[in-house]
C-alpha atoms as a PDB file:
ATOM      1  CA  MET A   1       7.077   4.527 -16.113  1.00  0.00           C
ATOM      2  CA  ILE A   2       4.601   6.855 -14.319  1.00  0.00           C
ATOM      3  CA  GLU A   3       5.391  10.533 -13.961  1.00  0.00           C
ATOM      4  CA  LEU A   4       2.902  13.049 -12.568  1.00  0.00           C
ATOM      5  CA  SER A   5       3.647  16.761 -12.271  1.00  0.00           C
ATOM      6  CA  GLY A   6       1.278  19.158 -10.557  1.00  0.00           C
ATOM      7  CA  LEU A   7      -1.674  16.893 -11.352  1.00  0.00           C
ATOM      8  CA  GLY A   8      -5.019  18.060 -10.049  1.00  0.00           C
ATOM      9  CA  LYS A   9      -8.683  17.141 -10.246  1.00  0.00           C
ATOM     10  CA  SER A  10     -11.479  19.396  -9.039  1.00  0.00           C
ATOM     11  CA  TYR A  11     -15.238  19.019  -8.966  1.00  0.00           C
ATOM     12  CA  GLY A  12     -16.419  22.579  -8.625  1.00  0.00           C
ATOM     13  CA  ASP A  13     -15.082  23.815  -5.301  1.00  0.00           C
ATOM     14  CA  VAL A  14     -14.056  20.309  -4.216  1.00  0.00           C
ATOM     15  CA  HIS A  15     -10.378  19.530  -4.868  1.00  0.00           C
ATOM     16  CA  ALA A  16     -10.003  15.739  -4.956  1.00  0.00           C
ATOM     17  CA  VAL A  17      -6.338  15.866  -6.023  1.00  0.00           C
ATOM     18  CA  ARG A  18      -4.045  18.880  -5.664  1.00  0.00           C
ATOM     19  CA  GLU A  19      -0.674  19.516  -7.352  1.00  0.00           C
ATOM     20  CA  LEU A  20       0.281  15.839  -7.232  1.00  0.00           C
ATOM     21  CA  ASN A  21       3.913  15.060  -8.061  1.00  0.00           C
ATOM     22  CA  LEU A  22       4.519  11.311  -8.167  1.00  0.00           C
ATOM     23  CA  SER A  23       6.992   8.919  -9.793  1.00  0.00           C
ATOM     24  CA  VAL A  24       6.701   5.149 -10.157  1.00  0.00           C
ATOM     25  CA  HIS A  25       9.800   3.384 -11.477  1.00  0.00           C
ATOM     26  CA  ALA A  26       9.833   0.375 -13.772  1.00  0.00           C
ATOM     27  CA  GLY A  27      10.092  -2.955 -11.969  1.00  0.00           C
ATOM     28  CA  GLU A  28       8.981  -1.784  -8.534  1.00  0.00           C
ATOM     29  CA  VAL A  29       5.972  -2.231  -6.288  1.00  0.00           C
ATOM     30  CA  TYR A  30       4.795   1.235  -5.305  1.00  0.00           C
ATOM     31  CA  GLY A  31       2.506   1.375  -2.276  1.00  0.00           C
ATOM     32  CA  PHE A  32       0.008   4.232  -2.624  1.00  0.00           C
ATOM     33  CA  LEU A  33      -1.384   5.069   0.800  1.00  0.00           C
ATOM     34  CA  GLY A  34      -3.983   7.468   2.092  1.00  0.00           C
ATOM     35  CA  ARG A  35      -7.109   7.707   4.182  1.00  0.00           C
ATOM     36  CA  ASN A  36     -10.546   7.268   2.603  1.00  0.00           C
ATOM     37  CA  GLY A  37     -11.205  10.311   0.432  1.00  0.00           C
ATOM     38  CA  ALA A  38      -7.524  11.261   0.206  1.00  0.00           C
ATOM     39  CA  GLY A  39      -7.507  11.037  -3.611  1.00  0.00           C
ATOM     40  CA  LYS A  40      -6.054   7.574  -4.303  1.00  0.00           C
ATOM     41  CA  THR A  41      -8.848   6.241  -6.526  1.00  0.00           C
ATOM     42  CA  THR A  42      -9.228   9.568  -8.332  1.00  0.00           C
ATOM     43  CA  THR A  43      -5.520   9.464  -9.174  1.00  0.00           C
ATOM     44  CA  MET A  44      -5.754   5.902 -10.466  1.00  0.00           C
ATOM     45  CA  ARG A  45      -8.740   6.771 -12.635  1.00  0.00           C
ATOM     46  CA  MET A  46      -6.767   9.658 -14.154  1.00  0.00           C
ATOM     47  CA  LEU A  47      -3.850   7.324 -14.887  1.00  0.00           C
ATOM     48  CA  LEU A  48      -6.202   5.080 -16.851  1.00  0.00           C
ATOM     49  CA  GLY A  49      -7.844   7.941 -18.723  1.00  0.00           C
ATOM     50  CA  LEU A  50     -11.223   7.278 -17.082  1.00  0.00           C
ATOM     51  CA  ILE A  51     -11.417  10.887 -15.934  1.00  0.00           C
ATOM     52  CA  ARG A  52      -9.529  13.951 -17.128  1.00  0.00           C
ATOM     53  CA  PRO A  53      -7.334  16.044 -14.864  1.00  0.00           C
ATOM     54  CA  THR A  54      -8.212  19.703 -14.455  1.00  0.00           C
ATOM     55  CA  SER A  55      -4.608  20.818 -13.995  1.00  0.00           C
ATOM     56  CA  GLY A  56      -1.045  19.593 -14.308  1.00  0.00           C
ATOM     57  CA  SER A  57       0.283  16.826 -16.512  1.00  0.00           C
ATOM     58  CA  GLY A  58       1.238  13.180 -16.415  1.00  0.00           C
ATOM     59  CA  SER A  59       2.523  10.303 -18.479  1.00  0.00           C
ATOM     60  CA  VAL A  60       2.543   6.503 -18.406  1.00  0.00           C
ATOM     61  CA  PHE A  61       5.154   4.708 -20.543  1.00  0.00           C
ATOM     62  CA  GLY A  62       6.132   8.154 -21.798  1.00  0.00           C
ATOM     63  CA  LYS A  63       2.681   8.836 -23.273  1.00  0.00           C
ATOM     64  CA  PRO A  64      -0.083  11.182 -22.043  1.00  0.00           C
ATOM     65  CA  LEU A  65      -2.573   9.876 -19.512  1.00  0.00           C
ATOM     66  CA  GLY A  66      -5.275   7.788 -21.174  1.00  0.00           C
ATOM     67  CA  ASP A  67      -3.320   7.246 -24.394  1.00  0.00           C
ATOM     68  CA  PRO A  68      -4.721   4.012 -25.933  1.00  0.00           C
ATOM     69  CA  ALA A  69      -1.241   2.628 -26.647  1.00  0.00           C
ATOM     70  CA  SER A  70      -0.207   2.932 -22.981  1.00  0.00           C
ATOM     71  CA  VAL A  71      -3.568   1.789 -21.560  1.00  0.00           C
ATOM     72  CA  ALA A  72      -3.219  -1.419 -23.609  1.00  0.00           C
ATOM     73  CA  ARG A  73      -0.101  -2.235 -21.583  1.00  0.00           C
ATOM     74  CA  ILE A  74      -1.888  -1.816 -18.222  1.00  0.00           C
ATOM     75  CA  GLY A  75      -3.937  -4.284 -16.196  1.00  0.00           C
ATOM     76  CA  SER A  76      -6.161  -2.640 -13.613  1.00  0.00           C
ATOM     77  CA  LEU A  77      -8.555  -3.245 -10.759  1.00  0.00           C
ATOM     78  CA  VAL A  78     -10.046   0.045  -9.627  1.00  0.00           C
ATOM     79  CA  GLU A  79     -12.960   0.112  -7.191  1.00  0.00           C
ATOM     80  CA  SER A  80     -15.338  -2.866  -7.114  1.00  0.00           C
ATOM     81  CA  PRO A  81     -15.068  -5.215 -10.116  1.00  0.00           C
ATOM     82  CA  ALA A  82     -18.230  -5.411 -12.265  1.00  0.00           C
ATOM     83  CA  PHE A  83     -19.127  -8.597 -14.150  1.00  0.00           C
ATOM     84  CA  TYR A  84     -22.249 -10.265 -15.522  1.00  0.00           C
ATOM     85  CA  PRO A  85     -23.881 -11.884 -12.468  1.00  0.00           C
ATOM     86  CA  HIS A  86     -25.511 -14.780 -14.383  1.00  0.00           C
ATOM     87  CA  LEU A  87     -22.234 -15.901 -15.996  1.00  0.00           C
ATOM     88  CA  SER A  88     -19.531 -17.983 -14.375  1.00  0.00           C
ATOM     89  CA  GLY A  89     -16.196 -16.461 -13.520  1.00  0.00           C
ATOM     90  CA  ARG A  90     -14.577 -18.278 -16.448  1.00  0.00           C
ATOM     91  CA  ASP A  91     -17.267 -17.185 -18.932  1.00  0.00           C
ATOM     92  CA  ASN A  92     -16.987 -13.577 -17.766  1.00  0.00           C
ATOM     93  CA  LEU A  93     -13.269 -13.683 -18.484  1.00  0.00           C
ATOM     94  CA  ARG A  94     -13.792 -15.436 -21.815  1.00  0.00           C
ATOM     95  CA  LEU A  95     -16.137 -12.652 -22.864  1.00  0.00           C
ATOM     96  CA  LEU A  96     -13.607 -10.047 -21.784  1.00  0.00           C
ATOM     97  CA  ALA A  97     -10.842 -11.919 -23.631  1.00  0.00           C
ATOM     98  CA  ARG A  98     -12.812 -11.901 -26.870  1.00  0.00           C
ATOM     99  CA  TYR A  99     -13.517  -8.169 -26.551  1.00  0.00           C
ATOM    100  CA  SER A 100      -9.770  -7.681 -26.129  1.00  0.00           C
ATOM    101  CA  GLY A 101      -8.764  -9.993 -28.966  1.00  0.00           C
ATOM    102  CA  LEU A 102      -7.185 -12.552 -26.625  1.00  0.00           C
ATOM    103  CA  GLY A 103      -7.403 -16.338 -26.771  1.00  0.00           C
ATOM    104  CA  ASP A 104      -9.131 -18.518 -24.178  1.00  0.00           C
ATOM    105  CA  SER A 105      -5.755 -19.848 -23.013  1.00  0.00           C
ATOM    106  CA  THR A 106      -5.067 -16.544 -21.256  1.00  0.00           C
ATOM    107  CA  VAL A 107      -8.249 -17.039 -19.190  1.00  0.00           C
ATOM    108  CA  ASP A 108      -7.195 -20.199 -17.355  1.00  0.00           C
ATOM    109  CA  SER A 109      -3.710 -18.792 -16.816  1.00  0.00           C
ATOM    110  CA  ALA A 110      -5.163 -15.692 -15.135  1.00  0.00           C
ATOM    111  CA  LEU A 111      -7.576 -17.797 -13.054  1.00  0.00           C
ATOM    112  CA  GLU A 112      -4.677 -19.963 -11.878  1.00  0.00           C
ATOM    113  CA  LEU A 113      -2.553 -16.962 -10.912  1.00  0.00           C
ATOM    114  CA  SER A 114      -5.419 -15.337  -9.009  1.00  0.00           C
ATOM    115  CA  GLY A 115      -6.251 -18.530  -7.093  1.00  0.00           C
ATOM    116  CA  LEU A 116      -9.768 -18.844  -8.516  1.00  0.00           C
ATOM    117  CA  ILE A 117      -9.350 -21.822 -10.849  1.00  0.00           C
ATOM    118  CA  ASP A 118     -11.296 -24.236  -8.580  1.00  0.00           C
ATOM    119  CA  ARG A 119     -14.346 -21.948  -8.492  1.00  0.00           C
ATOM    120  CA  ALA A 120     -14.137 -20.653 -12.056  1.00  0.00           C
ATOM    121  CA  GLY A 121     -17.293 -22.530 -13.105  1.00  0.00           C
ATOM    122  CA  ASP A 122     -19.482 -20.924 -10.422  1.00  0.00           C
ATOM    123  CA  ARG A 123     -21.735 -17.993 -11.234  1.00  0.00           C
ATOM    124  CA  PHE A 124     -20.416 -14.576 -10.327  1.00  0.00           C
ATOM    125  CA  THR A 125     -23.585 -13.811  -8.358  1.00  0.00           C
ATOM    126  CA  GLY A 126     -22.643 -16.537  -5.867  1.00  0.00           C
ATOM    127  CA  TYR A 127     -19.102 -15.296  -5.298  1.00  0.00           C
ATOM    128  CA  SER A 128     -18.022 -13.886  -1.954  1.00  0.00           C
ATOM    129  CA  LEU A 129     -16.448 -10.419  -1.828  1.00  0.00           C
ATOM    130  CA  GLY A 130     -12.971 -11.973  -1.789  1.00  0.00           C
ATOM    131  CA  MET A 131     -13.736 -14.166  -4.797  1.00  0.00           C
ATOM    132  CA  LYS A 132     -15.037 -11.153  -6.709  1.00  0.00           C
ATOM    133  CA  GLN A 133     -11.757  -9.395  -5.951  1.00  0.00           C
ATOM    134  CA  ARG A 134      -9.819 -12.395  -7.225  1.00  0.00           C
ATOM    135  CA  LEU A 135     -11.810 -12.375 -10.456  1.00  0.00           C
ATOM    136  CA  GLY A 136     -11.066  -8.680 -10.857  1.00  0.00           C
ATOM    137  CA  VAL A 137      -7.352  -9.358 -10.414  1.00  0.00           C
ATOM    138  CA  ALA A 138      -7.596 -12.241 -12.909  1.00  0.00           C
ATOM    139  CA  ALA A 139      -9.121  -9.842 -15.446  1.00  0.00           C
ATOM    140  CA  ALA A 140      -6.274  -7.382 -14.814  1.00  0.00           C
ATOM    141  CA  LEU A 141      -3.691 -10.116 -15.467  1.00  0.00           C
ATOM    142  CA  MET A 142      -5.008 -11.118 -18.889  1.00  0.00           C
ATOM    143  CA  GLY A 143      -2.977 -10.001 -21.878  1.00  0.00           C
ATOM    144  CA  ASP A 144       0.393  -9.999 -20.083  1.00  0.00           C
ATOM    145  CA  PRO A 145       0.318  -6.369 -18.866  1.00  0.00           C
ATOM    146  CA  GLU A 146       3.551  -4.580 -18.021  1.00  0.00           C
ATOM    147  CA  LEU A 147       1.930  -2.431 -15.336  1.00  0.00           C
ATOM    148  CA  LEU A 148      -0.701  -3.417 -12.765  1.00  0.00           C
ATOM    149  CA  ILE A 149      -2.812  -0.726 -11.095  1.00  0.00           C
ATOM    150  CA  LEU A 150      -4.580  -2.359  -8.157  1.00  0.00           C
ATOM    151  CA  ASP A 151      -7.000  -0.545  -5.860  1.00  0.00           C
ATOM    152  CA  GLU A 152      -7.512  -2.489  -2.592  1.00  0.00           C
ATOM    153  CA  PRO A 153      -6.935  -5.941  -4.151  1.00  0.00           C
ATOM    154  CA  THR A 154      -7.030  -7.721  -0.771  1.00  0.00           C
ATOM    155  CA  ASN A 155     -10.483  -6.390   0.102  1.00  0.00           C
ATOM    156  CA  GLY A 156     -12.565  -9.293   1.414  1.00  0.00           C
ATOM    157  CA  LEU A 157      -9.726 -11.836   1.412  1.00  0.00           C
ATOM    158  CA  ASP A 158      -8.921 -14.029   4.405  1.00  0.00           C
ATOM    159  CA  PRO A 159      -5.336 -14.085   5.781  1.00  0.00           C
ATOM    160  CA  SER A 160      -4.359 -16.930   3.465  1.00  0.00           C
ATOM    161  CA  GLY A 161      -5.762 -15.064   0.467  1.00  0.00           C
ATOM    162  CA  MET A 162      -3.918 -11.901   1.500  1.00  0.00           C
ATOM    163  CA  ARG A 163      -0.654 -13.809   1.585  1.00  0.00           C
ATOM    164  CA  GLU A 164      -1.333 -15.295  -1.847  1.00  0.00           C
ATOM    165  CA  MET A 165      -2.144 -11.844  -3.238  1.00  0.00           C
ATOM    166  CA  ARG A 166       1.024 -10.444  -1.713  1.00  0.00           C
ATOM    167  CA  ASP A 167       3.051 -13.233  -3.330  1.00  0.00           C
ATOM    168  CA  LEU A 168       1.347 -12.609  -6.680  1.00  0.00           C
ATOM    169  CA  VAL A 169       2.195  -8.898  -6.568  1.00  0.00           C
ATOM    170  CA  ARG A 170       5.785  -9.535  -5.526  1.00  0.00           C
ATOM    171  CA  ASN A 171       6.310 -12.231  -8.169  1.00  0.00           C
ATOM    172  CA  PHE A 172       4.854  -9.981 -10.861  1.00  0.00           C
ATOM    173  CA  ALA A 173       7.411  -7.289 -10.034  1.00  0.00           C
ATOM    174  CA  ASP A 174      10.267  -9.768  -9.628  1.00  0.00           C
ATOM    175  CA  ASN A 175       9.544 -10.981 -13.169  1.00  0.00           C
ATOM    176  CA  GLY A 176       9.899  -7.496 -14.625  1.00  0.00           C
ATOM    177  CA  GLY A 177       6.454  -6.003 -14.093  1.00  0.00           C
ATOM    178  CA  THR A 178       5.526  -2.822 -12.228  1.00  0.00           C
ATOM    179  CA  VAL A 179       2.737  -2.458  -9.662  1.00  0.00           C
ATOM    180  CA  LEU A 180       0.942   0.578  -8.288  1.00  0.00           C
ATOM    181  CA  LEU A 181      -0.836  -0.793  -5.221  1.00  0.00           C
ATOM    182  CA  SER A 182      -3.386   1.041  -3.123  1.00  0.00           C
ATOM    183  CA  SER A 183      -4.421  -0.489   0.190  1.00  0.00           C
ATOM    184  CA  HIS A 184      -5.676   0.501   3.630  1.00  0.00           C
ATOM    185  CA  LEU A 185      -3.962  -2.592   5.089  1.00  0.00           C
ATOM    186  CA  LEU A 186      -0.676  -0.956   5.950  1.00  0.00           C
ATOM    187  CA  GLY A 187       0.983  -4.190   7.078  1.00  0.00           C
ATOM    188  CA  GLU A 188       0.334  -5.788   3.690  1.00  0.00           C
ATOM    189  CA  VAL A 189       1.936  -2.862   1.863  1.00  0.00           C
ATOM    190  CA  GLU A 190       4.881  -2.868   4.253  1.00  0.00           C
ATOM    191  CA  HIS A 191       5.633  -6.491   3.337  1.00  0.00           C
ATOM    192  CA  VAL A 192       5.540  -6.040  -0.433  1.00  0.00           C
ATOM    193  CA  ALA A 193       6.321  -2.440  -1.453  1.00  0.00           C
ATOM    194  CA  ASP A 194       9.710  -1.181  -2.640  1.00  0.00           C
ATOM    195  CA  ARG A 195       8.673   2.443  -2.226  1.00  0.00           C
ATOM    196  CA  ILE A 196       5.605   4.175  -0.852  1.00  0.00           C
ATOM    197  CA  GLY A 197       3.786   7.416  -1.483  1.00  0.00           C
ATOM    198  CA  VAL A 198       1.394   8.912   1.045  1.00  0.00           C
ATOM    199  CA  ILE A 199      -1.420  11.153  -0.191  1.00  0.00           C
ATOM    200  CA  HIS A 200      -3.286  13.378   2.253  1.00  0.00           C
ATOM    201  CA  SER A 201      -6.099  15.776   1.324  1.00  0.00           C
ATOM    202  CA  GLY A 202      -5.203  15.322  -2.332  1.00  0.00           C
ATOM    203  CA  ARG A 203      -1.495  16.130  -1.929  1.00  0.00           C
ATOM    204  CA  LEU A 204       1.516  13.822  -1.813  1.00  0.00           C
ATOM    205  CA  VAL A 205       3.022  14.392   1.634  1.00  0.00           C
ATOM    206  CA  ALA A 206       5.752  11.722   1.536  1.00  0.00           C
ATOM    207  CA  GLU A 207       7.420   9.520  -1.053  1.00  0.00           C
ATOM    208  CA  GLY A 208      10.382   7.173  -0.984  1.00  0.00           C
ATOM    209  CA  ALA A 209      11.667   3.961   0.540  1.00  0.00           C
ATOM    210  CA  LEU A 210      10.097   3.099   3.882  1.00  0.00           C
ATOM    211  CA  ALA A 211      13.427   3.542   5.667  1.00  0.00           C
ATOM    212  CA  GLU A 212      13.747   7.089   4.292  1.00  0.00           C
ATOM    213  CA  ILE A 213      10.266   8.091   5.411  1.00  0.00           C
ATOM    214  CA  ARG A 214      10.743   6.423   8.793  1.00  0.00           C
ATOM    215  CA  ALA A 215      13.650   8.795   9.388  1.00  0.00           C
ATOM    216  CA  ARG A 216      11.310  11.768   8.903  1.00  0.00           C
ATOM    217  CA  VAL A 217       9.074  10.775  11.816  1.00  0.00           C
ATOM    218  CA  GLY A 218      11.800   9.635  14.203  1.00  0.00           C
ATOM    219  CA  GLY A 219      14.224   6.842  14.792  1.00  0.00           C
ATOM    220  CA  PRO A 220      13.593   3.466  16.382  1.00  0.00           C
ATOM    221  CA  ARG A 221      11.954   3.221  19.795  1.00  0.00           C
ATOM    222  CA  LEU A 222      13.302   1.504  22.872  1.00  0.00           C
ATOM    223  CA  VAL A 223      10.722  -0.609  24.699  1.00  0.00           C
ATOM    224  CA  VAL A 224      11.464  -1.266  28.368  1.00  0.00           C
ATOM    225  CA  ARG A 225       9.759  -3.511  30.905  1.00  0.00           C
ATOM    226  CA  ALA A 226      11.015  -2.761  34.408  1.00  0.00           C
ATOM    227  CA  GLU A 227       9.699  -2.417  37.950  1.00  0.00           C
ATOM    228  CA  PRO A 228       8.339  -0.269  39.405  1.00  0.00           C
ATOM    229  CA  GLY A 229       6.829   1.156  36.206  1.00  0.00           C
ATOM    230  CA  PRO A 230       5.860   4.691  37.345  1.00  0.00           C
ATOM    231  CA  ALA A 231       9.299   5.293  38.851  1.00  0.00           C
ATOM    232  CA  VAL A 232      10.990   3.956  35.689  1.00  0.00           C
ATOM    233  CA  GLU A 233       8.983   6.410  33.599  1.00  0.00           C
ATOM    234  CA  THR A 234      10.006   9.305  35.860  1.00  0.00           C
ATOM    235  CA  ALA A 235      13.669   8.298  35.773  1.00  0.00           C
ATOM    236  CA  LEU A 236      13.716   8.002  31.994  1.00  0.00           C
ATOM    237  CA  ARG A 237      12.058  11.394  31.523  1.00  0.00           C
ATOM    238  CA  ALA A 238      14.849  12.972  33.528  1.00  0.00           C
ATOM    239  CA  ARG A 239      17.618  11.229  31.604  1.00  0.00           C
ATOM    240  CA  PRO A 240      19.685  13.395  29.176  1.00  0.00           C
ATOM    241  CA  GLY A 241      19.540  12.275  25.559  1.00  0.00           C
ATOM    242  CA  VAL A 242      15.966  10.946  25.747  1.00  0.00           C
ATOM    243  CA  LEU A 243      13.457  12.755  23.514  1.00  0.00           C
ATOM    244  CA  GLY A 244      10.238  11.338  24.896  1.00  0.00           C
ATOM    245  CA  VAL A 245       8.743   8.696  27.176  1.00  0.00           C
ATOM    246  CA  ARG A 246       5.333   7.030  27.192  1.00  0.00           C
ATOM    247  CA  ARG A 247       4.142   4.320  29.567  1.00  0.00           C
ATOM    248  CA  THR A 248       1.450   1.850  28.514  1.00  0.00           C
ATOM    249  CA  GLY A 249       0.666  -0.651  31.232  1.00  0.00           C
ATOM    250  CA  GLU A 250       3.873  -2.495  32.124  1.00  0.00           C
ATOM    251  CA  LEU A 251       5.806  -1.210  29.090  1.00  0.00           C
ATOM    252  CA  VAL A 252       7.627   2.097  28.719  1.00  0.00           C
ATOM    253  CA  GLU A 253       8.362   3.355  25.187  1.00  0.00           C
ATOM    254  CA  VAL A 254      11.413   5.587  24.906  1.00  0.00           C
ATOM    255  CA  GLU A 255      12.159   7.923  21.991  1.00  0.00           C
ATOM    256  CA  LEU A 256      15.922   7.810  21.829  1.00  0.00           C
ATOM    257  CA  GLY A 257      17.869  10.921  20.940  1.00  0.00           C
ATOM    258  CA  THR A 258      21.562  10.785  21.750  1.00  0.00           C
ATOM    259  CA  ALA A 259      20.999   8.142  24.424  1.00  0.00           C
ATOM    260  CA  THR A 260      21.725   4.511  23.553  1.00  0.00           C
ATOM    261  CA  ALA A 261      19.841   1.391  24.564  1.00  0.00           C
ATOM    262  CA  ALA A 262      22.925   0.037  26.350  1.00  0.00           C
ATOM    263  CA  ALA A 263      23.351   3.226  28.374  1.00  0.00           C
ATOM    264  CA  VAL A 264      19.680   3.329  29.344  1.00  0.00           C
ATOM    265  CA  ASN A 265      19.813  -0.290  30.479  1.00  0.00           C
ATOM    266  CA  ARG A 266      22.988   0.288  32.502  1.00  0.00           C
ATOM    267  CA  ASP A 267      21.588   3.371  34.250  1.00  0.00           C
ATOM    268  CA  LEU A 268      18.327   1.646  35.168  1.00  0.00           C
ATOM    269  CA  VAL A 269      20.179  -1.317  36.683  1.00  0.00           C
ATOM    270  CA  VAL A 270      22.564   0.981  38.588  1.00  0.00           C
ATOM    271  CA  GLU A 271      19.600   2.898  39.989  1.00  0.00           C
ATOM    272  CA  GLY A 272      18.115  -0.339  41.312  1.00  0.00           C
ATOM    273  CA  PHE A 273      15.301  -0.985  38.839  1.00  0.00           C
ATOM    274  CA  GLU A 274      14.468  -4.579  37.911  1.00  0.00           C
ATOM    275  CA  VAL A 275      14.734  -4.704  34.103  1.00  0.00           C
ATOM    276  CA  SER A 276      13.083  -7.806  32.625  1.00  0.00           C
ATOM    277  CA  GLU A 277      12.823  -6.739  28.982  1.00  0.00           C
ATOM    278  CA  LEU A 278      14.540  -4.250  26.710  1.00  0.00           C
ATOM    279  CA  ARG A 279      14.237  -4.209  22.929  1.00  0.00           C
ATOM    280  CA  ILE A 280      14.525  -1.903  19.921  1.00  0.00           C
ATOM    281  CA  GLU A 281      11.416  -1.490  17.748  1.00  0.00           C
ATOM    282  CA  GLU A 282      11.605  -0.040  14.251  1.00  0.00           C
ATOM    283  CA  ARG A 283       8.877   2.340  13.144  1.00  0.00           C
ATOM    284  CA  THR A 284       6.021   0.463  11.510  1.00  0.00           C
ATOM    285  CA  LEU A 285       4.315   1.689   8.377  1.00  0.00           C
ATOM    286  CA  GLU A 286       1.353   2.641  10.553  1.00  0.00           C
ATOM    287  CA  ASP A 287       3.646   4.888  12.642  1.00  0.00           C
ATOM    288  CA  VAL A 288       4.985   6.465   9.458  1.00  0.00           C
ATOM    289  CA  PHE A 289       1.530   6.966   7.974  1.00  0.00           C
ATOM    290  CA  THR A 290       0.223   8.572  11.172  1.00  0.00           C
ATOM    291  CA  GLY A 291       3.280  10.790  11.424  1.00  0.00           C
ATOM    292  CA  VAL A 292       3.139  12.240   7.922  1.00  0.00           C
ATOM    293  CA  THR A 293      -0.658  12.724   7.880  1.00  0.00           C
ATOM    294  CA  ALA A 294      -0.986  14.220  11.354  1.00  0.00           C
ATOM    295  CA  ALA A 295      -1.473  17.786  10.125  1.00  0.00           C
END
């Protein structure tokens, strides 16, 4: 579907993307993560042929980046969507449909899918940021694309809108489509992505299923609530098989090595501590992101 090998983009001495190796498989939602300025948008623009790489190679649908035949099979929302401010959302999409040789029937279908059908007759200039994002997604959906490239599609949406966008992305993939999704909302990506790639300073520093990347930054944590807290922290630090301990208020987070949760609980009770809570917490996507971009 998408294959990038050693892809790079430089602007003079500024390297926006460096030796990027990335693979997106057909039928998956690929979460593309990185801090502001990491190279996410630059990469997406190269995929669409909007800018040319300065090194490396890449393909989409087996064709070179920017090939008209492959671009025609892609729906995209990259950066802020631009439409005619004096036209309604529906009329903006009708104009786009006619440029693309599509019928008006595709317009209402896209508006329905994006959740904008009730406000389609309003002028674009009166749209909120979230509504503008929805219209951009609606434009990307027209023409039955096989691949969606979405750059921060939930920008400006309220929690309900975020959930609807997440469902739209997941349903698109479940029905045979492929999605490359960039977002700074790590929790949203965690809910919807099959695999993730993390870009840092223009380089891909991690790629794979979330569970695989979690393993790179450590296993699950044990969270303990017991009294007295300072003494619990000291006891856990001295326990064999524990890799690390951090106390935050009444909670103590334990990085388990060879120690088990059951053994830790037993030892604390035997030593006379009052344990009121003990639970295992999996690494969140935020933990993973912080871990692989710490350098």
